[in-house]
Amino acid sequence: MWSAVQSLAPWFPLVARIAIFLVYTWFGLVKLTGLSGATPLAEELTRQTIGMEYFGLAFTLLAVIECIIGLLFVIPSTVRVAVVLMLGHLAVVCSPLVLVPHAAWIAPLVPNLEGQYIIKNVLLLALALGISTASWPSARRGAHALTRPAAGPGPDPDRTVPAGVVSDDKVSGTVRR
């Protein structure tokens, strides 16, 4: 069974990039058509922050950015740019949890449907970070390319350090690369 799972590993970046493309582009296009179920929540956030006179521009900009993020994820060389844009996007779309809590929570730690919709964004972030790390050259060399045995004698010969670090001295706190 494990070998079957391992045989799928090379497909992860492609499938994950396509999944993020579909979600971000789809949601962005739905916003652009004016049919988004997130519109009332976005209106409430806008009312509480920048003012309703900016809602149309802000909501359209958010939709366009979502489409751009989706498109950037399908181009492997632009994934890191997409992740940076995604972090900014997530800061905005997750802000109702704090800025308009009455629109996202039923009770402390009990989200309503909109709150659940927002919280699921942690999955998109985790997927994006997985894609980003899978695209690192060291990750392509093998399953253990991100860690290797520490160089030199030490208190725990089985400990590992990130690839590229020659050793780390726990006593002095220095790290050599």
N, C-alpha and C. Protein backbone atom coordinates (compact mmCIF):
# COMPACT_ATOMS: atom_id res chain seq x y z
N MET A 1 0.82 -1.19 0.00
CA MET A 1 0.00 0.00 0.00
C MET A 1 0.87 1.25 0.00
N TRP A 2 1.94 1.26 0.82
CA TRP A 2 2.80 2.43 0.91
C TRP A 2 3.44 2.73 -0.44
N SER A 3 3.82 1.70 -1.19
CA SER A 3 4.45 1.94 -2.49
C SER A 3 3.44 2.55 -3.47
N ALA A 4 2.18 2.20 -3.34
CA ALA A 4 1.16 2.80 -4.20
C ALA A 4 1.02 4.29 -3.90
N VAL A 5 1.05 4.63 -2.61
CA VAL A 5 0.98 6.03 -2.21
C VAL A 5 2.22 6.77 -2.69
N GLN A 6 3.38 6.16 -2.52
CA GLN A 6 4.62 6.79 -2.97
C GLN A 6 4.63 7.00 -4.47
N SER A 7 4.03 6.10 -5.23
CA SER A 7 4.02 6.26 -6.68
C SER A 7 3.17 7.46 -7.11
N LEU A 8 2.28 7.91 -6.24
CA LEU A 8 1.47 9.09 -6.55
C LEU A 8 2.18 10.40 -6.22
N ALA A 9 3.23 10.33 -5.42
CA ALA A 9 3.94 11.54 -4.97
C ALA A 9 4.38 12.45 -6.10
N PRO A 10 4.90 11.94 -7.21
CA PRO A 10 5.31 12.85 -8.28
C PRO A 10 4.15 13.65 -8.87
N TRP A 11 2.93 13.16 -8.70
CA TRP A 11 1.76 13.84 -9.25
C TRP A 11 1.23 14.93 -8.33
N PHE A 12 1.67 14.94 -7.06
CA PHE A 12 1.13 15.89 -6.10
C PHE A 12 1.22 17.34 -6.56
N PRO A 13 2.38 17.83 -6.97
CA PRO A 13 2.44 19.25 -7.34
C PRO A 13 1.47 19.62 -8.46
N LEU A 14 1.37 18.80 -9.48
CA LEU A 14 0.48 19.10 -10.60
C LEU A 14 -0.98 19.09 -10.16
N VAL A 15 -1.39 18.04 -9.46
CA VAL A 15 -2.79 17.93 -9.02
C VAL A 15 -3.13 19.06 -8.05
N ALA A 16 -2.23 19.37 -7.15
CA ALA A 16 -2.47 20.43 -6.17
C ALA A 16 -2.55 21.80 -6.86
N ARG A 17 -1.66 22.05 -7.82
CA ARG A 17 -1.70 23.33 -8.55
C ARG A 17 -3.01 23.47 -9.31
N ILE A 18 -3.47 22.39 -9.93
CA ILE A 18 -4.74 22.43 -10.66
C ILE A 18 -5.91 22.67 -9.69
N ALA A 19 -5.87 22.04 -8.53
CA ALA A 19 -6.94 22.22 -7.53
C ALA A 19 -7.03 23.68 -7.09
N ILE A 20 -5.89 24.28 -6.79
CA ILE A 20 -5.90 25.68 -6.36
C ILE A 20 -6.34 26.58 -7.52
N PHE A 21 -5.88 26.27 -8.72
CA PHE A 21 -6.33 27.01 -9.90
C PHE A 21 -7.85 26.99 -10.00
N LEU A 22 -8.43 25.80 -9.88
CA LEU A 22 -9.89 25.68 -10.02
C LEU A 22 -10.63 26.46 -8.95
N VAL A 23 -10.22 26.31 -7.70
CA VAL A 23 -10.92 26.98 -6.60
C VAL A 23 -10.79 28.50 -6.71
N TYR A 24 -9.57 28.99 -6.87
CA TYR A 24 -9.37 30.44 -6.90
C TYR A 24 -9.99 31.07 -8.14
N THR A 25 -9.81 30.46 -9.29
CA THR A 25 -10.36 31.04 -10.51
C THR A 25 -11.88 30.98 -10.50
N TRP A 26 -12.43 29.87 -10.08
CA TRP A 26 -13.88 29.70 -10.01
C TRP A 26 -14.49 30.74 -9.07
N PHE A 27 -13.96 30.84 -7.85
CA PHE A 27 -14.52 31.78 -6.88
C PHE A 27 -14.34 33.22 -7.35
N GLY A 28 -13.22 33.51 -7.98
CA GLY A 28 -13.00 34.86 -8.52
C GLY A 28 -13.99 35.20 -9.61
N LEU A 29 -14.24 34.25 -10.52
CA LEU A 29 -15.21 34.48 -11.59
C LEU A 29 -16.63 34.64 -11.06
N VAL A 30 -16.97 33.85 -10.04
CA VAL A 30 -18.31 33.98 -9.44
C VAL A 30 -18.46 35.37 -8.82
N LYS A 31 -17.42 35.88 -8.19
CA LYS A 31 -17.48 37.23 -7.64
C LYS A 31 -17.65 38.26 -8.76
N LEU A 32 -16.92 38.09 -9.84
CA LEU A 32 -17.01 39.04 -10.96
C LEU A 32 -18.38 39.06 -11.60
N THR A 33 -19.11 37.95 -11.54
CA THR A 33 -20.45 37.91 -12.12
C THR A 33 -21.51 38.45 -11.17
N GLY A 34 -21.13 38.74 -9.93
CA GLY A 34 -22.08 39.26 -8.96
C GLY A 34 -22.95 38.20 -8.32
N LEU A 35 -22.57 36.94 -8.44
CA LEU A 35 -23.38 35.84 -7.93
C LEU A 35 -22.80 35.18 -6.67
N SER A 36 -21.79 35.77 -6.09
CA SER A 36 -21.10 35.15 -4.96
C SER A 36 -21.93 35.18 -3.69
N GLY A 37 -21.96 34.05 -3.01
CA GLY A 37 -22.61 33.97 -1.71
C GLY A 37 -21.82 34.69 -0.63
N ALA A 38 -20.59 35.07 -0.94
CA ALA A 38 -19.75 35.78 0.03
C ALA A 38 -20.00 37.29 0.01
N THR A 39 -20.82 37.76 -0.91
CA THR A 39 -21.05 39.20 -1.03
C THR A 39 -21.56 39.85 0.25
N PRO A 40 -22.57 39.30 0.93
CA PRO A 40 -23.04 39.96 2.17
C PRO A 40 -21.94 40.07 3.23
N LEU A 41 -21.13 39.04 3.38
CA LEU A 41 -20.04 39.08 4.35
C LEU A 41 -19.01 40.13 3.92
N ALA A 42 -18.70 40.19 2.64
CA ALA A 42 -17.75 41.19 2.13
C ALA A 42 -18.30 42.60 2.32
N GLU A 43 -19.60 42.78 2.14
CA GLU A 43 -20.22 44.10 2.36
C GLU A 43 -20.09 44.51 3.81
N GLU A 44 -20.33 43.56 4.72
CA GLU A 44 -20.24 43.87 6.15
C GLU A 44 -18.80 44.23 6.52
N LEU A 45 -17.84 43.49 6.00
CA LEU A 45 -16.42 43.80 6.26
C LEU A 45 -16.08 45.18 5.72
N THR A 46 -16.52 45.47 4.52
CA THR A 46 -16.24 46.77 3.90
C THR A 46 -16.88 47.89 4.71
N ARG A 47 -18.10 47.70 5.14
CA ARG A 47 -18.81 48.70 5.96
C ARG A 47 -18.03 48.99 7.24
N GLN A 48 -17.47 47.95 7.85
CA GLN A 48 -16.76 48.10 9.12
C GLN A 48 -15.32 48.62 8.96
N THR A 49 -14.80 48.58 7.74
CA THR A 49 -13.38 48.95 7.56
C THR A 49 -13.23 50.16 6.64
N ILE A 50 -13.26 49.98 5.34
CA ILE A 50 -12.92 51.07 4.42
C ILE A 50 -14.11 51.91 3.97
N GLY A 51 -15.32 51.45 4.21
CA GLY A 51 -16.51 52.19 3.84
C GLY A 51 -17.14 51.66 2.56
N MET A 52 -18.45 51.68 2.52
CA MET A 52 -19.20 51.10 1.41
C MET A 52 -18.96 51.79 0.07
N GLU A 53 -18.52 53.03 0.08
CA GLU A 53 -18.25 53.70 -1.19
C GLU A 53 -17.13 53.02 -1.98
N TYR A 54 -16.34 52.19 -1.28
CA TYR A 54 -15.24 51.48 -1.95
C TYR A 54 -15.56 50.00 -2.21
N PHE A 55 -16.78 49.58 -1.87
CA PHE A 55 -17.10 48.16 -1.99
C PHE A 55 -16.94 47.63 -3.41
N GLY A 56 -17.52 48.29 -4.38
CA GLY A 56 -17.46 47.79 -5.76
C GLY A 56 -16.03 47.60 -6.24
N LEU A 57 -15.21 48.61 -6.00
CA LEU A 57 -13.81 48.52 -6.41
C LEU A 57 -13.08 47.43 -5.64
N ALA A 58 -13.25 47.39 -4.33
CA ALA A 58 -12.54 46.40 -3.51
C ALA A 58 -12.96 44.98 -3.85
N PHE A 59 -14.26 44.76 -4.04
CA PHE A 59 -14.75 43.41 -4.34
C PHE A 59 -14.28 42.95 -5.73
N THR A 60 -14.29 43.86 -6.69
CA THR A 60 -13.80 43.53 -8.03
C THR A 60 -12.30 43.24 -7.99
N LEU A 61 -11.55 44.06 -7.26
CA LEU A 61 -10.11 43.85 -7.13
C LEU A 61 -9.83 42.50 -6.48
N LEU A 62 -10.58 42.17 -5.43
CA LEU A 62 -10.42 40.88 -4.77
C LEU A 62 -10.68 39.73 -5.75
N ALA A 63 -11.72 39.85 -6.55
CA ALA A 63 -12.06 38.82 -7.53
C ALA A 63 -10.95 38.67 -8.58
N VAL A 64 -10.44 39.78 -9.06
CA VAL A 64 -9.37 39.73 -10.07
C VAL A 64 -8.11 39.11 -9.47
N ILE A 65 -7.79 39.48 -8.24
CA ILE A 65 -6.61 38.90 -7.58
C ILE A 65 -6.79 37.40 -7.40
N GLU A 66 -8.00 36.95 -7.07
CA GLU A 66 -8.25 35.52 -6.95
C GLU A 66 -8.00 34.81 -8.28
N CYS A 67 -8.46 35.39 -9.36
CA CYS A 67 -8.23 34.79 -10.68
C CYS A 67 -6.73 34.77 -11.01
N ILE A 68 -6.03 35.84 -10.70
CA ILE A 68 -4.58 35.89 -10.95
C ILE A 68 -3.86 34.83 -10.13
N ILE A 69 -4.21 34.70 -8.85
CA ILE A 69 -3.59 33.67 -8.01
C ILE A 69 -3.82 32.29 -8.62
N GLY A 70 -5.05 32.02 -9.03
CA GLY A 70 -5.36 30.74 -9.66
C GLY A 70 -4.50 30.49 -10.88
N LEU A 71 -4.39 31.49 -11.75
CA LEU A 71 -3.58 31.33 -12.97
C LEU A 71 -2.09 31.15 -12.65
N LEU A 72 -1.59 31.89 -11.66
CA LEU A 72 -0.17 31.77 -11.30
C LEU A 72 0.17 30.38 -10.77
N PHE A 73 -0.78 29.74 -10.11
CA PHE A 73 -0.51 28.40 -9.58
C PHE A 73 -0.34 27.34 -10.66
N VAL A 74 -0.89 27.53 -11.84
CA VAL A 74 -0.72 26.51 -12.89
C VAL A 74 0.58 26.68 -13.66
N ILE A 75 1.28 27.78 -13.41
CA ILE A 75 2.59 28.01 -14.04
C ILE A 75 3.65 27.73 -12.97
N PRO A 76 4.36 26.60 -13.07
CA PRO A 76 5.28 26.22 -12.00
C PRO A 76 6.29 27.31 -11.61
N SER A 77 6.77 28.06 -12.56
CA SER A 77 7.78 29.08 -12.24
C SER A 77 7.21 30.28 -11.48
N THR A 78 5.89 30.39 -11.38
CA THR A 78 5.28 31.53 -10.68
C THR A 78 4.61 31.14 -9.37
N VAL A 79 4.82 29.92 -8.92
CA VAL A 79 4.16 29.44 -7.70
C VAL A 79 4.55 30.29 -6.49
N ARG A 80 5.80 30.65 -6.37
CA ARG A 80 6.21 31.42 -5.19
C ARG A 80 5.57 32.81 -5.18
N VAL A 81 5.42 33.42 -6.34
CA VAL A 81 4.72 34.71 -6.44
C VAL A 81 3.26 34.51 -6.03
N ALA A 82 2.67 33.42 -6.49
CA ALA A 82 1.28 33.11 -6.15
C ALA A 82 1.11 32.94 -4.64
N VAL A 83 2.06 32.28 -4.00
CA VAL A 83 1.98 32.08 -2.55
C VAL A 83 2.02 33.42 -1.82
N VAL A 84 2.87 34.32 -2.26
CA VAL A 84 2.95 35.65 -1.63
C VAL A 84 1.62 36.39 -1.80
N LEU A 85 1.09 36.38 -3.02
CA LEU A 85 -0.22 37.01 -3.26
C LEU A 85 -1.31 36.34 -2.41
N MET A 86 -1.22 35.02 -2.32
CA MET A 86 -2.20 34.27 -1.55
C MET A 86 -2.17 34.66 -0.08
N LEU A 87 -0.99 34.88 0.47
CA LEU A 87 -0.89 35.28 1.88
C LEU A 87 -1.60 36.62 2.11
N GLY A 88 -1.40 37.57 1.20
CA GLY A 88 -2.10 38.85 1.31
C GLY A 88 -3.60 38.68 1.16
N HIS A 89 -3.99 37.87 0.19
CA HIS A 89 -5.41 37.60 -0.03
C HIS A 89 -6.05 36.96 1.20
N LEU A 90 -5.37 35.97 1.78
CA LEU A 90 -5.92 35.29 2.95
C LEU A 90 -6.02 36.22 4.16
N ALA A 91 -5.09 37.17 4.27
CA ALA A 91 -5.18 38.14 5.36
C ALA A 91 -6.48 38.93 5.26
N VAL A 92 -6.85 39.30 4.03
CA VAL A 92 -8.10 40.05 3.83
C VAL A 92 -9.32 39.16 4.05
N VAL A 93 -9.35 38.00 3.40
CA VAL A 93 -10.57 37.19 3.47
C VAL A 93 -10.76 36.50 4.83
N CYS A 94 -9.71 36.38 5.60
CA CYS A 94 -9.85 35.81 6.95
C CYS A 94 -10.14 36.87 8.01
N SER A 95 -9.99 38.13 7.66
CA SER A 95 -10.16 39.21 8.63
C SER A 95 -11.56 39.30 9.24
N PRO A 96 -12.63 38.86 8.57
CA PRO A 96 -13.93 38.92 9.25
C PRO A 96 -13.99 38.12 10.55
N LEU A 97 -13.16 37.12 10.68
CA LEU A 97 -13.14 36.35 11.94
C LEU A 97 -12.85 37.25 13.13
N VAL A 98 -12.07 38.32 12.89
CA VAL A 98 -11.68 39.24 13.95
C VAL A 98 -12.42 40.58 13.83
N LEU A 99 -12.54 41.09 12.61
CA LEU A 99 -13.07 42.44 12.42
C LEU A 99 -14.60 42.52 12.44
N VAL A 100 -15.26 41.47 12.03
CA VAL A 100 -16.73 41.43 12.10
C VAL A 100 -17.15 40.07 12.68
N PRO A 101 -16.79 39.84 13.93
CA PRO A 101 -17.03 38.52 14.53
C PRO A 101 -18.51 38.12 14.55
N HIS A 102 -19.41 39.06 14.65
CA HIS A 102 -20.84 38.73 14.67
C HIS A 102 -21.29 38.09 13.36
N ALA A 103 -20.51 38.31 12.30
CA ALA A 103 -20.85 37.73 11.00
C ALA A 103 -20.19 36.38 10.77
N ALA A 104 -19.32 35.94 11.70
CA ALA A 104 -18.58 34.70 11.49
C ALA A 104 -18.71 33.68 12.62
N TRP A 105 -19.19 34.11 13.78
CA TRP A 105 -19.23 33.23 14.94
C TRP A 105 -20.63 33.16 15.55
N ILE A 106 -21.02 31.99 15.99
CA ILE A 106 -22.26 31.80 16.75
C ILE A 106 -21.97 32.04 18.23
N ALA A 107 -20.82 31.51 18.66
CA ALA A 107 -20.34 31.64 20.03
C ALA A 107 -18.82 31.51 19.96
N PRO A 108 -18.10 31.80 21.05
CA PRO A 108 -16.65 31.64 21.00
C PRO A 108 -16.25 30.23 20.52
N LEU A 109 -15.41 30.20 19.53
CA LEU A 109 -14.90 28.97 18.91
C LEU A 109 -15.97 28.13 18.22
N VAL A 110 -17.12 28.72 17.94
CA VAL A 110 -18.20 28.03 17.22
C VAL A 110 -18.55 28.89 16.00
N PRO A 111 -17.93 28.58 14.85
CA PRO A 111 -18.20 29.40 13.66
C PRO A 111 -19.54 29.07 13.03
N ASN A 112 -20.16 30.08 12.45
CA ASN A 112 -21.35 29.83 11.64
C ASN A 112 -20.87 29.35 10.25
N LEU A 113 -21.78 29.22 9.31
CA LEU A 113 -21.39 28.71 7.99
C LEU A 113 -20.35 29.60 7.33
N GLU A 114 -20.51 30.92 7.43
CA GLU A 114 -19.53 31.83 6.85
C GLU A 114 -18.17 31.68 7.53
N GLY A 115 -18.18 31.53 8.86
CA GLY A 115 -16.94 31.33 9.60
C GLY A 115 -16.23 30.05 9.18
N GLN A 116 -17.01 29.00 8.97
CA GLN A 116 -16.43 27.73 8.50
C GLN A 116 -15.82 27.91 7.12
N TYR A 117 -16.51 28.65 6.28
CA TYR A 117 -16.04 28.96 4.92
C TYR A 117 -14.69 29.67 4.98
N ILE A 118 -14.56 30.58 5.94
CA ILE A 118 -13.30 31.31 6.10
C ILE A 118 -12.21 30.41 6.66
N ILE A 119 -12.53 29.66 7.69
CA ILE A 119 -11.53 28.82 8.37
C ILE A 119 -10.95 27.76 7.43
N LYS A 120 -11.73 27.27 6.48
CA LYS A 120 -11.22 26.26 5.55
C LYS A 120 -10.04 26.79 4.73
N ASN A 121 -9.84 28.09 4.73
CA ASN A 121 -8.71 28.65 3.99
C ASN A 121 -7.36 28.16 4.52
N VAL A 122 -7.33 27.68 5.75
CA VAL A 122 -6.08 27.12 6.27
C VAL A 122 -5.66 25.91 5.43
N LEU A 123 -6.63 25.18 4.89
CA LEU A 123 -6.32 24.05 4.01
C LEU A 123 -5.68 24.52 2.71
N LEU A 124 -6.23 25.59 2.15
CA LEU A 124 -5.64 26.14 0.93
C LEU A 124 -4.21 26.61 1.17
N LEU A 125 -3.99 27.25 2.33
CA LEU A 125 -2.64 27.69 2.67
C LEU A 125 -1.69 26.50 2.81
N ALA A 126 -2.12 25.45 3.49
CA ALA A 126 -1.29 24.26 3.66
C ALA A 126 -0.98 23.63 2.30
N LEU A 127 -1.97 23.56 1.44
CA LEU A 127 -1.76 23.01 0.10
C LEU A 127 -0.78 23.86 -0.69
N ALA A 128 -0.92 25.17 -0.60
CA ALA A 128 -0.01 26.08 -1.31
C ALA A 128 1.43 25.93 -0.80
N LEU A 129 1.58 25.81 0.51
CA LEU A 129 2.93 25.62 1.06
C LEU A 129 3.51 24.28 0.64
N GLY A 130 2.66 23.24 0.56
CA GLY A 130 3.12 21.95 0.06
C GLY A 130 3.58 22.03 -1.38
N ILE A 131 2.84 22.75 -2.20
CA ILE A 131 3.23 22.94 -3.60
C ILE A 131 4.55 23.68 -3.66
N SER A 132 4.66 24.74 -2.88
CA SER A 132 5.87 25.56 -2.89
C SER A 132 7.09 24.75 -2.48
N THR A 133 6.97 23.96 -1.42
CA THR A 133 8.12 23.18 -0.98
C THR A 133 8.42 22.03 -1.94
N ALA A 134 7.39 21.48 -2.58
CA ALA A 134 7.61 20.40 -3.56
C ALA A 134 8.35 20.92 -4.78
N SER A 135 8.30 22.23 -5.02
CA SER A 135 8.96 22.79 -6.19
C SER A 135 10.42 23.16 -5.91
N TRP A 136 10.86 23.04 -4.66
CA TRP A 136 12.27 23.31 -4.35
C TRP A 136 13.13 22.23 -5.00
N PRO A 137 14.27 22.61 -5.56
CA PRO A 137 15.14 21.60 -6.19
C PRO A 137 15.54 20.48 -5.24
N SER A 138 15.80 20.78 -3.96
CA SER A 138 16.22 19.73 -3.03
C SER A 138 15.11 18.73 -2.79
N ALA A 139 13.84 19.15 -2.89
CA ALA A 139 12.72 18.24 -2.66
C ALA A 139 12.60 17.23 -3.79
N ARG A 140 13.09 17.58 -4.98
CA ARG A 140 12.98 16.67 -6.12
C ARG A 140 14.00 15.54 -6.06
N ARG A 141 15.00 15.67 -5.18
CA ARG A 141 16.05 14.65 -5.12
C ARG A 141 15.63 13.42 -4.33
N GLY A 142 14.57 13.50 -3.57
CA GLY A 142 14.13 12.34 -2.81
C GLY A 142 13.33 12.72 -1.59
N ALA A 143 12.75 11.73 -0.98
CA ALA A 143 11.85 11.97 0.15
C ALA A 143 12.58 12.58 1.34
N HIS A 144 13.88 12.29 1.49
CA HIS A 144 14.62 12.77 2.66
C HIS A 144 15.58 13.89 2.29
N ALA A 145 15.34 14.57 1.18
CA ALA A 145 16.26 15.60 0.73
C ALA A 145 16.24 16.83 1.62
N LEU A 146 15.16 17.07 2.36
CA LEU A 146 15.10 18.25 3.21
C LEU A 146 15.84 18.06 4.52
N THR A 147 16.13 16.83 4.89
CA THR A 147 16.90 16.58 6.10
C THR A 147 17.98 15.56 5.80
N ARG A 148 19.03 15.63 6.55
CA ARG A 148 20.11 14.67 6.42
C ARG A 148 20.78 14.55 7.78
N PRO A 149 21.54 13.50 8.01
CA PRO A 149 22.21 13.38 9.29
C PRO A 149 23.12 14.57 9.55
N ALA A 150 23.18 15.01 10.79
CA ALA A 150 24.04 16.13 11.15
C ALA A 150 25.50 15.74 10.95
N ALA A 151 26.30 16.71 10.53
CA ALA A 151 27.73 16.46 10.32
C ALA A 151 28.47 16.56 11.65
N GLY A 152 29.48 15.75 11.79
CA GLY A 152 30.35 15.84 12.96
C GLY A 152 29.78 15.18 14.20
N PRO A 153 30.62 15.06 15.22
CA PRO A 153 30.17 14.44 16.46
C PRO A 153 29.19 15.36 17.19
N GLY A 154 28.30 14.77 17.90
CA GLY A 154 27.31 15.55 18.64
C GLY A 154 26.65 14.67 19.67
N PRO A 155 25.84 15.26 20.52
CA PRO A 155 25.20 14.49 21.57
C PRO A 155 24.20 13.47 21.05
N ASP A 156 23.61 13.72 19.87
CA ASP A 156 22.62 12.81 19.31
C ASP A 156 22.95 12.56 17.85
N PRO A 157 23.66 11.45 17.53
CA PRO A 157 24.06 11.21 16.15
C PRO A 157 22.89 10.95 15.21
N ASP A 158 21.71 10.65 15.73
CA ASP A 158 20.56 10.38 14.88
C ASP A 158 19.76 11.63 14.53
N ARG A 159 20.12 12.79 15.12
CA ARG A 159 19.34 13.99 14.83
C ARG A 159 19.60 14.44 13.39
N THR A 160 18.67 15.17 12.84
CA THR A 160 18.82 15.67 11.48
C THR A 160 18.75 17.18 11.49
N VAL A 161 19.33 17.78 10.47
CA VAL A 161 19.30 19.23 10.30
C VAL A 161 18.85 19.53 8.88
N PRO A 162 18.35 20.72 8.64
CA PRO A 162 17.92 21.05 7.28
C PRO A 162 19.06 20.92 6.28
N ALA A 163 18.72 20.53 5.06
CA ALA A 163 19.71 20.43 3.99
C ALA A 163 20.37 21.78 3.81
N GLY A 164 21.66 21.79 3.59
CA GLY A 164 22.41 23.03 3.41
C GLY A 164 23.10 23.48 4.68
N VAL A 165 22.70 22.96 5.84
CA VAL A 165 23.34 23.31 7.10
C VAL A 165 24.41 22.27 7.37
N VAL A 166 25.66 22.73 7.52
CA VAL A 166 26.76 21.80 7.76
C VAL A 166 26.68 21.28 9.18
N SER A 167 26.52 22.16 10.13
CA SER A 167 26.34 21.74 11.52
C SER A 167 25.72 22.89 12.29
N ASP A 168 25.17 22.55 13.41
CA ASP A 168 24.69 23.60 14.30
C ASP A 168 25.20 23.29 15.70
N ASP A 169 25.72 24.30 16.32
CA ASP A 169 26.32 24.16 17.63
C ASP A 169 25.29 24.60 18.67
N LYS A 170 24.76 23.64 19.39
CA LYS A 170 23.73 23.94 20.39
C LYS A 170 24.29 24.78 21.53
N VAL A 171 25.59 24.67 21.78
CA VAL A 171 26.19 25.41 22.89
C VAL A 171 26.32 26.89 22.54
N SER A 172 26.92 27.20 21.38
CA SER A 172 27.15 28.60 21.03
C SER A 172 26.00 29.20 20.23
N GLY A 173 25.13 28.34 19.67
CA GLY A 173 24.01 28.83 18.88
C GLY A 173 24.37 29.20 17.45
N THR A 174 25.57 28.84 17.01
CA THR A 174 25.98 29.20 15.64
C THR A 174 25.54 28.12 14.66
N VAL A 175 25.27 28.53 13.47
CA VAL A 175 24.91 27.64 12.39
C VAL A 175 25.83 27.94 11.21
N ARG A 176 26.48 26.89 10.70
CA ARG A 176 27.35 27.05 9.53
C ARG A 176 26.65 26.46 8.34
N ARG A 177 26.77 27.13 7.19
CA ARG A 177 26.18 26.63 5.95
C ARG A 177 27.29 26.32 4.97
